[in-house]
């Protein structure tokens, strides 16, 4: 069941990448479609749950950083405001509640996620570095987009995606996590193709 949740999350992540790629190929420029951010929210929500159930700090940490950036992109596109209010509240509150619960049981959280016998601390750190780098693409994206007051997926986003994904795949192999391996490997081609589109058609 845990793997099913993780695979479903990766299905959403994979679908966002494929749809963005197809739409960009048709437009002959790199696009930032609303469906990309909608699927990102759904994928991140499930992947956060997956990381929690797998007692994997690197996964949880990575999802929390990018989660609210997805919401910002939907806001600037005018989509977030159209979402059913209880759903918006649920999406906003869930990570916050998880953080509060972790803070209230800090000792247990540290013992479970950072002193887990199944995941050596050095591997947790390595995986977290990969997740931070991979997630940094969204921090870069929101800064780039905020300056232009529109949602854009710039060239740097795809370069960082490729680099961060490489580290996460290495972590996933060491962790023997089929969900991470499958999910990250699937995005590789799309990252490379978006970089190629930028080089072929320019910054437009």
N, C-alpha and C. Protein backbone atom coordinates (compact mmCIF):
# COMPACT_ATOMS: atom_id res chain seq x y z
N UNK A 1 0.84 -1.21 0.00
CA UNK A 1 0.00 0.00 0.00
C UNK A 1 0.87 1.26 0.00
N UNK A 2 1.98 1.22 0.75
CA UNK A 2 2.87 2.38 0.79
C UNK A 2 3.44 2.65 -0.60
N UNK A 3 3.88 1.58 -1.27
CA UNK A 3 4.42 1.73 -2.62
C UNK A 3 3.35 2.22 -3.60
N UNK A 4 2.11 1.81 -3.40
CA UNK A 4 1.01 2.26 -4.26
C UNK A 4 0.85 3.77 -4.15
N UNK A 5 0.90 4.29 -2.92
CA UNK A 5 0.81 5.75 -2.71
C UNK A 5 1.97 6.46 -3.39
N UNK A 6 3.19 5.90 -3.23
CA UNK A 6 4.37 6.50 -3.86
C UNK A 6 4.30 6.46 -5.37
N UNK A 7 3.84 5.35 -5.93
CA UNK A 7 3.74 5.22 -7.38
C UNK A 7 2.67 6.14 -7.94
N UNK A 8 1.57 6.31 -7.20
CA UNK A 8 0.51 7.23 -7.63
C UNK A 8 1.03 8.66 -7.65
N UNK A 9 1.82 9.02 -6.63
CA UNK A 9 2.44 10.35 -6.59
C UNK A 9 3.35 10.55 -7.78
N UNK A 10 4.17 9.53 -8.09
CA UNK A 10 5.08 9.62 -9.23
C UNK A 10 4.32 9.66 -10.55
N UNK A 11 3.14 9.05 -10.58
CA UNK A 11 2.30 9.10 -11.77
C UNK A 11 1.87 10.53 -12.04
N UNK A 12 1.49 11.25 -10.99
CA UNK A 12 1.13 12.67 -11.14
C UNK A 12 2.34 13.50 -11.59
N UNK A 13 3.50 13.24 -10.96
CA UNK A 13 4.72 13.96 -11.33
C UNK A 13 5.11 13.66 -12.78
N UNK A 14 4.98 12.39 -13.16
CA UNK A 14 5.33 12.01 -14.53
C UNK A 14 4.37 12.62 -15.54
N UNK A 15 3.08 12.64 -15.19
CA UNK A 15 2.07 13.20 -16.09
C UNK A 15 2.30 14.70 -16.29
N UNK A 16 2.67 15.42 -15.22
CA UNK A 16 2.91 16.86 -15.35
C UNK A 16 4.06 17.12 -16.32
N UNK A 17 5.11 16.29 -16.21
CA UNK A 17 6.29 16.47 -17.05
C UNK A 17 5.97 16.18 -18.51
N UNK A 18 5.24 15.09 -18.75
CA UNK A 18 4.88 14.70 -20.12
C UNK A 18 3.97 15.74 -20.77
N UNK A 19 2.95 16.20 -20.03
CA UNK A 19 2.02 17.19 -20.58
C UNK A 19 2.73 18.51 -20.87
N UNK A 20 3.61 18.93 -19.95
CA UNK A 20 4.36 20.17 -20.17
C UNK A 20 5.24 20.04 -21.40
N UNK A 21 5.84 18.89 -21.56
CA UNK A 21 6.73 18.62 -22.69
C UNK A 21 5.94 18.67 -24.01
N UNK A 22 4.79 17.97 -24.05
CA UNK A 22 3.96 17.93 -25.26
C UNK A 22 3.49 19.34 -25.64
N UNK A 23 2.99 20.09 -24.66
CA UNK A 23 2.50 21.44 -24.93
C UNK A 23 3.62 22.36 -25.39
N UNK A 24 4.81 22.18 -24.83
CA UNK A 24 5.96 23.00 -25.23
C UNK A 24 6.42 22.65 -26.64
N UNK A 25 6.39 21.37 -26.98
CA UNK A 25 6.78 20.95 -28.33
C UNK A 25 5.83 21.56 -29.37
N UNK A 26 4.55 21.57 -29.04
CA UNK A 26 3.55 22.13 -29.97
C UNK A 26 3.74 23.63 -30.15
N UNK A 27 4.04 24.31 -29.03
CA UNK A 27 4.20 25.77 -29.07
C UNK A 27 5.59 26.19 -29.55
N UNK A 28 6.51 25.22 -29.60
CA UNK A 28 7.91 25.49 -29.99
C UNK A 28 8.57 26.49 -29.04
N UNK A 29 8.16 26.45 -27.81
CA UNK A 29 8.78 27.22 -26.74
C UNK A 29 8.41 26.56 -25.41
N UNK A 30 9.20 26.79 -24.39
CA UNK A 30 8.96 26.15 -23.10
C UNK A 30 7.82 26.86 -22.37
N UNK A 31 6.76 26.12 -22.06
CA UNK A 31 5.58 26.68 -21.41
C UNK A 31 5.52 26.29 -19.93
N UNK A 32 4.71 27.04 -19.20
CA UNK A 32 4.42 26.74 -17.80
C UNK A 32 2.91 26.62 -17.64
N UNK A 33 2.32 25.52 -18.14
CA UNK A 33 0.86 25.37 -18.12
C UNK A 33 0.29 25.15 -16.72
N UNK A 34 -0.95 25.53 -16.53
CA UNK A 34 -1.61 25.39 -15.23
C UNK A 34 -1.67 23.92 -14.80
N UNK A 35 -1.88 23.02 -15.75
CA UNK A 35 -1.99 21.60 -15.42
C UNK A 35 -0.70 21.08 -14.78
N UNK A 36 0.43 21.68 -15.14
CA UNK A 36 1.71 21.28 -14.55
C UNK A 36 1.69 21.50 -13.04
N UNK A 37 1.16 22.64 -12.61
CA UNK A 37 1.14 23.00 -11.19
C UNK A 37 0.05 22.26 -10.43
N UNK A 38 -1.08 21.98 -11.10
CA UNK A 38 -2.15 21.21 -10.47
C UNK A 38 -1.67 19.79 -10.16
N UNK A 39 -1.03 19.16 -11.14
CA UNK A 39 -0.52 17.81 -10.94
C UNK A 39 0.63 17.80 -9.93
N UNK A 40 1.38 18.91 -9.87
CA UNK A 40 2.47 19.03 -8.89
C UNK A 40 1.93 19.00 -7.47
N UNK A 41 0.84 19.73 -7.23
CA UNK A 41 0.22 19.75 -5.90
C UNK A 41 -0.25 18.35 -5.50
N UNK A 42 -0.95 17.69 -6.42
CA UNK A 42 -1.47 16.36 -6.13
C UNK A 42 -0.33 15.38 -5.86
N UNK A 43 0.70 15.44 -6.70
CA UNK A 43 1.84 14.55 -6.53
C UNK A 43 2.57 14.80 -5.23
N UNK A 44 2.80 16.08 -4.90
CA UNK A 44 3.53 16.44 -3.69
C UNK A 44 2.77 16.01 -2.43
N UNK A 45 1.47 16.17 -2.45
CA UNK A 45 0.65 15.80 -1.29
C UNK A 45 0.80 14.30 -0.99
N UNK A 46 0.67 13.50 -2.05
CA UNK A 46 0.79 12.04 -1.88
C UNK A 46 2.22 11.63 -1.57
N UNK A 47 3.19 12.31 -2.18
CA UNK A 47 4.59 11.95 -1.97
C UNK A 47 5.05 12.29 -0.56
N UNK A 48 4.47 13.36 0.01
CA UNK A 48 4.74 13.71 1.40
C UNK A 48 4.26 12.58 2.31
N UNK A 49 3.06 12.07 2.03
CA UNK A 49 2.51 10.95 2.81
C UNK A 49 3.39 9.72 2.66
N UNK A 50 3.83 9.49 1.43
CA UNK A 50 4.71 8.34 1.14
C UNK A 50 6.02 8.46 1.94
N UNK A 51 6.61 9.64 1.92
CA UNK A 51 7.86 9.86 2.66
C UNK A 51 7.68 9.65 4.16
N UNK A 52 6.54 10.08 4.66
CA UNK A 52 6.24 9.93 6.09
C UNK A 52 6.12 8.45 6.45
N UNK A 53 5.39 7.71 5.62
CA UNK A 53 5.19 6.28 5.87
C UNK A 53 6.49 5.49 5.70
N UNK A 54 7.36 5.98 4.83
CA UNK A 54 8.66 5.31 4.61
C UNK A 54 9.71 5.78 5.61
N UNK A 55 9.30 6.73 6.47
CA UNK A 55 10.22 7.30 7.46
C UNK A 55 11.47 7.85 6.78
N UNK A 56 11.23 8.57 5.69
CA UNK A 56 12.31 9.10 4.86
C UNK A 56 12.34 10.62 4.95
N UNK A 57 13.25 11.15 5.77
CA UNK A 57 13.34 12.59 6.00
C UNK A 57 13.64 13.36 4.71
N UNK A 58 14.51 12.79 3.85
CA UNK A 58 14.90 13.48 2.61
C UNK A 58 13.69 13.78 1.73
N UNK A 59 12.79 12.82 1.62
CA UNK A 59 11.59 13.01 0.80
C UNK A 59 10.68 14.07 1.40
N UNK A 60 10.42 13.98 2.71
CA UNK A 60 9.55 14.93 3.40
C UNK A 60 10.09 16.35 3.26
N UNK A 61 11.38 16.50 3.52
CA UNK A 61 12.03 17.81 3.48
C UNK A 61 11.90 18.44 2.10
N UNK A 62 12.12 17.64 1.06
CA UNK A 62 12.05 18.15 -0.31
C UNK A 62 10.66 18.60 -0.69
N UNK A 63 9.64 17.86 -0.26
CA UNK A 63 8.28 18.20 -0.64
C UNK A 63 7.77 19.46 0.05
N UNK A 64 8.14 19.65 1.31
CA UNK A 64 7.68 20.82 2.05
C UNK A 64 8.18 22.11 1.40
N UNK A 65 9.43 22.11 0.96
CA UNK A 65 10.02 23.32 0.37
C UNK A 65 9.27 23.76 -0.88
N UNK A 66 8.98 22.79 -1.75
CA UNK A 66 8.39 23.14 -3.06
C UNK A 66 6.86 23.27 -3.02
N UNK A 67 6.23 22.69 -2.02
CA UNK A 67 4.77 22.60 -1.97
C UNK A 67 4.07 23.95 -2.14
N UNK A 68 4.51 24.93 -1.36
CA UNK A 68 3.83 26.23 -1.39
C UNK A 68 4.21 27.06 -2.63
N UNK A 69 5.30 26.68 -3.27
CA UNK A 69 5.65 27.33 -4.54
C UNK A 69 4.66 26.90 -5.63
N UNK A 70 4.22 25.65 -5.58
CA UNK A 70 3.20 25.19 -6.52
C UNK A 70 1.93 26.04 -6.35
N UNK A 71 1.56 26.27 -5.10
CA UNK A 71 0.36 27.06 -4.82
C UNK A 71 0.52 28.48 -5.35
N UNK A 72 1.72 29.06 -5.15
CA UNK A 72 1.98 30.43 -5.65
C UNK A 72 1.79 30.50 -7.16
N UNK A 73 2.29 29.51 -7.88
CA UNK A 73 2.15 29.50 -9.34
C UNK A 73 0.69 29.39 -9.76
N UNK A 74 -0.08 28.59 -9.03
CA UNK A 74 -1.51 28.49 -9.34
C UNK A 74 -2.23 29.80 -9.03
N UNK A 75 -1.76 30.49 -7.98
CA UNK A 75 -2.35 31.78 -7.61
C UNK A 75 -2.13 32.82 -8.71
N UNK A 76 -0.88 32.89 -9.18
CA UNK A 76 -0.54 33.91 -10.18
C UNK A 76 -1.22 33.62 -11.52
N UNK A 77 -1.61 32.36 -11.71
CA UNK A 77 -2.33 31.99 -12.93
C UNK A 77 -3.84 32.13 -12.78
N UNK A 78 -4.27 32.47 -11.55
CA UNK A 78 -5.70 32.67 -11.30
C UNK A 78 -6.48 31.38 -11.13
N UNK A 79 -5.78 30.26 -10.94
CA UNK A 79 -6.44 28.95 -10.81
C UNK A 79 -6.75 28.64 -9.35
N UNK A 80 -5.84 28.98 -8.45
CA UNK A 80 -6.00 28.66 -7.04
C UNK A 80 -7.28 29.22 -6.46
N UNK A 81 -7.64 30.43 -6.86
CA UNK A 81 -8.83 31.10 -6.34
C UNK A 81 -10.12 30.36 -6.72
N UNK A 82 -10.05 29.54 -7.77
CA UNK A 82 -11.24 28.82 -8.24
C UNK A 82 -11.41 27.46 -7.56
N UNK A 83 -10.41 27.05 -6.80
CA UNK A 83 -10.47 25.75 -6.12
C UNK A 83 -11.45 25.83 -4.95
N UNK A 84 -12.22 24.76 -4.74
CA UNK A 84 -13.20 24.68 -3.66
C UNK A 84 -12.52 25.01 -2.33
N UNK A 85 -13.08 25.95 -1.58
CA UNK A 85 -12.44 26.47 -0.36
C UNK A 85 -12.00 25.40 0.63
N UNK A 86 -12.84 24.41 0.99
CA UNK A 86 -12.37 23.37 1.91
C UNK A 86 -11.14 22.62 1.40
N UNK A 87 -11.05 22.43 0.08
CA UNK A 87 -9.89 21.76 -0.51
C UNK A 87 -8.65 22.63 -0.35
N UNK A 88 -8.80 23.94 -0.58
CA UNK A 88 -7.67 24.86 -0.40
C UNK A 88 -7.17 24.85 1.05
N UNK A 89 -8.12 24.87 1.98
CA UNK A 89 -7.76 24.85 3.40
C UNK A 89 -7.01 23.57 3.74
N UNK A 90 -7.52 22.44 3.25
CA UNK A 90 -6.89 21.15 3.50
C UNK A 90 -5.46 21.12 2.96
N UNK A 91 -5.28 21.60 1.74
CA UNK A 91 -3.97 21.60 1.10
C UNK A 91 -2.98 22.51 1.83
N UNK A 92 -3.45 23.64 2.29
CA UNK A 92 -2.57 24.60 2.99
C UNK A 92 -2.21 24.10 4.39
N UNK A 93 -3.20 23.54 5.08
CA UNK A 93 -3.03 23.18 6.49
C UNK A 93 -2.25 21.89 6.71
N UNK A 94 -2.40 20.91 5.83
CA UNK A 94 -1.80 19.58 6.07
C UNK A 94 -0.31 19.62 6.41
N UNK A 95 0.56 20.27 5.58
CA UNK A 95 1.99 20.29 5.94
C UNK A 95 2.25 21.03 7.25
N UNK A 96 1.48 22.08 7.51
CA UNK A 96 1.66 22.86 8.74
C UNK A 96 1.35 21.99 9.96
N UNK A 97 0.25 21.24 9.89
CA UNK A 97 -0.13 20.33 10.99
C UNK A 97 0.95 19.28 11.19
N UNK A 98 1.49 18.75 10.09
CA UNK A 98 2.55 17.73 10.17
C UNK A 98 3.79 18.29 10.87
N UNK A 99 4.14 19.53 10.54
CA UNK A 99 5.31 20.18 11.17
C UNK A 99 5.08 20.39 12.66
N UNK A 100 3.86 20.82 13.02
CA UNK A 100 3.52 21.04 14.44
C UNK A 100 3.59 19.73 15.21
N UNK A 101 3.05 18.66 14.64
CA UNK A 101 3.09 17.35 15.29
C UNK A 101 4.53 16.87 15.46
N UNK A 102 5.35 17.11 14.43
CA UNK A 102 6.76 16.72 14.50
C UNK A 102 7.48 17.51 15.59
N UNK A 103 7.14 18.81 15.70
CA UNK A 103 7.79 19.67 16.70
C UNK A 103 7.38 19.26 18.12
N UNK A 104 6.12 18.87 18.29
CA UNK A 104 5.64 18.46 19.61
C UNK A 104 6.27 17.13 20.05
N UNK A 105 6.62 16.31 19.06
CA UNK A 105 7.26 15.02 19.37
C UNK A 105 8.64 14.99 18.72
N UNK A 106 9.41 16.03 18.99
CA UNK A 106 10.71 16.21 18.33
C UNK A 106 11.64 15.03 18.56
N UNK A 107 11.66 14.54 19.80
CA UNK A 107 12.58 13.44 20.13
C UNK A 107 12.23 12.18 19.35
N UNK A 108 10.94 11.89 19.27
CA UNK A 108 10.50 10.72 18.52
C UNK A 108 10.76 10.90 17.03
N UNK A 109 10.52 12.13 16.53
CA UNK A 109 10.75 12.42 15.11
C UNK A 109 12.22 12.22 14.76
N UNK A 110 13.12 12.76 15.59
CA UNK A 110 14.56 12.64 15.35
C UNK A 110 14.97 11.17 15.38
N UNK A 111 14.43 10.44 16.35
CA UNK A 111 14.76 9.02 16.49
C UNK A 111 14.29 8.22 15.28
N UNK A 112 13.10 8.55 14.79
CA UNK A 112 12.52 7.80 13.67
C UNK A 112 13.13 8.17 12.33
N UNK A 113 13.31 9.48 12.11
CA UNK A 113 13.70 9.94 10.78
C UNK A 113 15.20 10.20 10.62
N UNK A 114 15.87 10.57 11.70
CA UNK A 114 17.29 10.91 11.58
C UNK A 114 18.22 9.87 12.22
N UNK A 115 17.65 9.01 13.06
CA UNK A 115 18.46 7.95 13.67
C UNK A 115 17.89 6.59 13.33
N UNK A 116 17.37 6.51 12.13
CA UNK A 116 16.75 5.28 11.66
C UNK A 116 17.84 4.27 11.29
N UNK A 117 17.77 3.07 11.89
CA UNK A 117 18.77 2.03 11.61
C UNK A 117 18.75 1.59 10.16
N UNK A 118 17.61 1.77 9.49
CA UNK A 118 17.49 1.36 8.09
C UNK A 118 18.12 2.37 7.13
N UNK A 119 18.30 3.61 7.61
CA UNK A 119 18.90 4.66 6.76
C UNK A 119 20.03 5.32 7.54
N UNK A 120 21.28 5.05 7.23
CA UNK A 120 22.40 5.69 7.92
C UNK A 120 22.33 7.21 7.78
N UNK A 121 22.83 7.92 8.79
CA UNK A 121 22.76 9.38 8.80
C UNK A 121 23.43 9.99 7.57
N UNK A 122 24.57 9.42 7.14
CA UNK A 122 25.26 9.96 5.97
C UNK A 122 24.39 9.86 4.72
N UNK A 123 23.57 8.79 4.66
CA UNK A 123 22.69 8.62 3.50
C UNK A 123 21.51 9.60 3.57
N UNK A 124 21.02 9.86 4.78
CA UNK A 124 19.96 10.86 4.98
C UNK A 124 20.46 12.22 4.51
N UNK A 125 21.71 12.56 4.90
CA UNK A 125 22.30 13.85 4.51
C UNK A 125 22.48 13.92 3.00
N UNK A 126 22.99 12.84 2.41
CA UNK A 126 23.20 12.80 0.96
C UNK A 126 21.87 12.96 0.22
N UNK A 127 20.86 12.21 0.67
CA UNK A 127 19.54 12.31 0.04
C UNK A 127 18.93 13.68 0.20
N UNK A 128 19.14 14.28 1.38
CA UNK A 128 18.60 15.62 1.64
C UNK A 128 19.26 16.66 0.75
N UNK A 129 20.57 16.51 0.52
CA UNK A 129 21.29 17.43 -0.38
C UNK A 129 20.70 17.34 -1.78
N UNK A 130 20.46 16.11 -2.22
CA UNK A 130 19.85 15.91 -3.54
C UNK A 130 18.48 16.53 -3.62
N UNK A 131 17.66 16.34 -2.58
CA UNK A 131 16.31 16.90 -2.55
C UNK A 131 16.34 18.42 -2.50
N UNK A 132 17.28 18.98 -1.71
CA UNK A 132 17.38 20.44 -1.61
C UNK A 132 17.77 21.03 -2.96
N UNK A 133 18.75 20.41 -3.62
CA UNK A 133 19.17 20.90 -4.93
C UNK A 133 18.04 20.78 -5.94
N UNK A 134 17.35 19.64 -5.92
CA UNK A 134 16.25 19.40 -6.85
C UNK A 134 15.11 20.39 -6.59
N UNK A 135 14.87 20.66 -5.31
CA UNK A 135 13.79 21.58 -4.93
C UNK A 135 14.19 23.03 -5.19
N UNK A 136 15.50 23.31 -5.15
CA UNK A 136 15.98 24.68 -5.40
C UNK A 136 15.54 25.18 -6.76
N UNK A 137 15.25 24.26 -7.70
CA UNK A 137 14.78 24.67 -9.02
C UNK A 137 13.49 25.47 -8.91
N UNK A 138 12.64 25.11 -7.92
CA UNK A 138 11.39 25.84 -7.76
C UNK A 138 11.61 27.18 -7.06
N UNK A 139 12.60 27.25 -6.19
CA UNK A 139 12.95 28.53 -5.57
C UNK A 139 13.47 29.47 -6.65
N UNK A 140 14.34 28.94 -7.51
CA UNK A 140 14.85 29.71 -8.65
C UNK A 140 13.70 30.13 -9.56
N UNK A 141 12.77 29.20 -9.79
CA UNK A 141 11.64 29.48 -10.68
C UNK A 141 10.73 30.57 -10.13
N UNK A 142 10.46 30.52 -8.81
CA UNK A 142 9.54 31.52 -8.25
C UNK A 142 10.18 32.92 -8.22
N UNK A 143 11.49 32.98 -7.97
CA UNK A 143 12.19 34.27 -8.00
C UNK A 143 12.18 34.83 -9.42
N UNK A 144 12.49 33.98 -10.39
CA UNK A 144 12.53 34.38 -11.80
C UNK A 144 11.13 34.85 -12.25
N UNK A 145 10.11 34.08 -11.87
CA UNK A 145 8.74 34.40 -12.28
C UNK A 145 8.20 35.64 -11.57
N UNK A 146 8.52 35.78 -10.28
CA UNK A 146 8.02 36.93 -9.51
C UNK A 146 8.52 38.24 -10.09
N UNK A 147 9.76 38.23 -10.57
CA UNK A 147 10.33 39.45 -11.17
C UNK A 147 9.59 39.83 -12.45
N UNK A 148 9.06 38.83 -13.14
CA UNK A 148 8.36 39.08 -14.41
C UNK A 148 6.85 39.06 -14.24
N UNK A 149 6.41 38.76 -13.01
CA UNK A 149 4.99 38.75 -12.65
C UNK A 149 4.17 37.80 -13.53
N UNK A 150 4.79 36.65 -13.85
CA UNK A 150 4.08 35.59 -14.56
C UNK A 150 4.80 34.27 -14.29
N UNK A 151 4.07 33.17 -14.43
CA UNK A 151 4.65 31.85 -14.16
C UNK A 151 5.46 31.39 -15.37
N UNK A 152 6.76 31.19 -15.16
CA UNK A 152 7.68 30.79 -16.23
C UNK A 152 8.54 29.64 -15.74
N UNK A 153 8.90 28.74 -16.65
CA UNK A 153 9.85 27.66 -16.35
C UNK A 153 11.11 27.96 -17.15
N UNK A 154 12.05 28.72 -16.56
CA UNK A 154 13.25 29.17 -17.29
C UNK A 154 14.27 28.06 -17.53
N UNK A 155 15.26 28.37 -18.34
CA UNK A 155 16.30 27.40 -18.67
C UNK A 155 16.99 26.86 -17.42
N UNK A 156 17.32 27.74 -16.48
CA UNK A 156 17.99 27.33 -15.26
C UNK A 156 17.21 26.28 -14.48
N UNK A 157 15.88 26.35 -14.57
CA UNK A 157 15.01 25.38 -13.90
C UNK A 157 15.31 23.97 -14.37
N UNK A 158 15.48 23.82 -15.68
CA UNK A 158 15.71 22.49 -16.25
C UNK A 158 17.13 21.99 -16.00
N UNK A 159 18.09 22.91 -15.98
CA UNK A 159 19.48 22.53 -15.69
C UNK A 159 19.59 22.02 -14.25
N UNK A 160 18.95 22.76 -13.32
CA UNK A 160 18.96 22.35 -11.91
C UNK A 160 18.20 21.03 -11.75
N UNK A 161 17.10 20.88 -12.49
CA UNK A 161 16.32 19.64 -12.44
C UNK A 161 17.18 18.44 -12.79
N UNK A 162 17.96 18.58 -13.86
CA UNK A 162 18.81 17.49 -14.34
C UNK A 162 19.89 17.13 -13.31
N UNK A 163 20.49 18.16 -12.73
CA UNK A 163 21.56 17.94 -11.74
C UNK A 163 21.01 17.31 -10.46
N UNK A 164 19.94 17.89 -9.93
CA UNK A 164 19.34 17.38 -8.70
C UNK A 164 18.80 15.97 -8.87
N UNK A 165 18.20 15.72 -10.03
CA UNK A 165 17.63 14.40 -10.30
C UNK A 165 18.72 13.32 -10.31
N UNK A 166 19.90 13.67 -10.80
CA UNK A 166 21.02 12.72 -10.83
C UNK A 166 21.40 12.28 -9.42
N UNK A 167 21.43 13.26 -8.49
CA UNK A 167 21.76 12.94 -7.10
C UNK A 167 20.68 12.09 -6.45
N UNK A 168 19.43 12.41 -6.74
CA UNK A 168 18.32 11.66 -6.13
C UNK A 168 18.30 10.22 -6.64
N UNK A 169 18.61 10.02 -7.91
CA UNK A 169 18.66 8.66 -8.46
C UNK A 169 19.76 7.87 -7.76
N UNK A 170 20.91 8.52 -7.54
CA UNK A 170 22.01 7.85 -6.82
C UNK A 170 21.55 7.48 -5.41
N UNK A 171 20.85 8.40 -4.75
CA UNK A 171 20.32 8.15 -3.41
C UNK A 171 19.31 7.00 -3.44
N UNK A 172 18.44 7.01 -4.44
CA UNK A 172 17.39 5.99 -4.55
C UNK A 172 17.99 4.60 -4.77
N UNK A 173 19.09 4.54 -5.53
CA UNK A 173 19.75 3.25 -5.76
C UNK A 173 20.34 2.73 -4.44
N UNK A 174 20.99 3.63 -3.69
CA UNK A 174 21.57 3.25 -2.40
C UNK A 174 20.47 2.87 -1.40
N UNK A 175 19.34 3.55 -1.51
CA UNK A 175 18.21 3.31 -0.60
C UNK A 175 17.36 2.14 -1.05
N UNK A 176 17.60 1.68 -2.30
CA UNK A 176 16.82 0.61 -2.93
C UNK A 176 15.34 0.97 -2.94
N UNK A 177 15.05 2.19 -3.45
CA UNK A 177 13.68 2.70 -3.49
C UNK A 177 13.20 2.72 -4.94
N UNK A 178 12.41 1.71 -5.36
CA UNK A 178 11.95 1.63 -6.75
C UNK A 178 11.09 2.81 -7.17
N UNK A 179 10.34 3.39 -6.23
CA UNK A 179 9.47 4.52 -6.55
C UNK A 179 10.30 5.73 -6.96
N UNK A 180 11.34 6.03 -6.18
CA UNK A 180 12.20 7.16 -6.51
C UNK A 180 12.97 6.93 -7.81
N UNK A 181 13.49 5.73 -7.98
CA UNK A 181 14.24 5.41 -9.20
C UNK A 181 13.36 5.59 -10.43
N UNK A 182 12.18 5.03 -10.40
CA UNK A 182 11.25 5.11 -11.53
C UNK A 182 10.84 6.55 -11.80
N UNK A 183 10.48 7.27 -10.74
CA UNK A 183 10.00 8.65 -10.89
C UNK A 183 11.05 9.59 -11.44
N UNK A 184 12.26 9.50 -10.93
CA UNK A 184 13.32 10.42 -11.37
C UNK A 184 13.83 10.06 -12.76
N UNK A 185 13.94 8.79 -13.05
CA UNK A 185 14.44 8.35 -14.36
C UNK A 185 13.51 8.81 -15.47
N UNK A 186 12.21 8.79 -15.19
CA UNK A 186 11.22 9.16 -16.21
C UNK A 186 11.34 10.63 -16.62
N UNK A 187 11.76 11.48 -15.68
CA UNK A 187 11.84 12.91 -15.99
C UNK A 187 13.09 13.32 -16.76
N UNK A 188 14.09 12.46 -16.77
CA UNK A 188 15.38 12.78 -17.38
C UNK A 188 15.26 13.27 -18.82
N UNK A 189 14.52 12.53 -19.63
CA UNK A 189 14.39 12.86 -21.06
C UNK A 189 13.72 14.21 -21.23
N UNK A 190 12.67 14.46 -20.44
CA UNK A 190 11.95 15.73 -20.55
C UNK A 190 12.83 16.91 -20.16
N UNK A 191 13.66 16.74 -19.12
CA UNK A 191 14.56 17.82 -18.71
C UNK A 191 15.53 18.16 -19.84
N UNK A 192 16.12 17.12 -20.41
CA UNK A 192 17.08 17.32 -21.51
C UNK A 192 16.39 17.95 -22.71
N UNK A 193 15.17 17.50 -23.01
CA UNK A 193 14.44 18.03 -24.17
C UNK A 193 14.07 19.50 -23.99
N UNK A 194 13.66 19.88 -22.78
CA UNK A 194 13.34 21.30 -22.54
C UNK A 194 14.58 22.19 -22.68
N UNK A 195 15.72 21.68 -22.24
CA UNK A 195 16.98 22.42 -22.43
C UNK A 195 17.26 22.57 -23.91
N UNK A 196 17.01 21.51 -24.68
CA UNK A 196 17.23 21.53 -26.12
C UNK A 196 16.30 22.54 -26.81
N UNK A 197 15.04 22.59 -26.34
CA UNK A 197 14.07 23.54 -26.91
C UNK A 197 14.53 24.97 -26.69
N UNK A 198 15.04 25.23 -25.48
CA UNK A 198 15.57 26.57 -25.18
C UNK A 198 16.70 26.94 -26.13
N UNK A 199 17.61 26.02 -26.32
CA UNK A 199 18.76 26.30 -27.18
C UNK A 199 18.34 26.45 -28.64
N UNK A 200 17.29 25.73 -29.04
CA UNK A 200 16.85 25.77 -30.43
C UNK A 200 16.02 26.98 -30.75
N UNK A 201 15.11 27.34 -29.85
CA UNK A 201 14.17 28.42 -30.12
C UNK A 201 14.42 29.70 -29.33
N UNK A 202 15.49 29.71 -28.54
CA UNK A 202 15.82 30.93 -27.80
C UNK A 202 14.98 31.07 -26.55
N UNK A 203 15.15 32.15 -25.81
CA UNK A 203 14.51 32.35 -24.52
C UNK A 203 13.00 32.45 -24.61
N UNK A 204 12.47 32.71 -25.80
CA UNK A 204 11.01 32.79 -25.96
C UNK A 204 10.36 31.43 -25.69
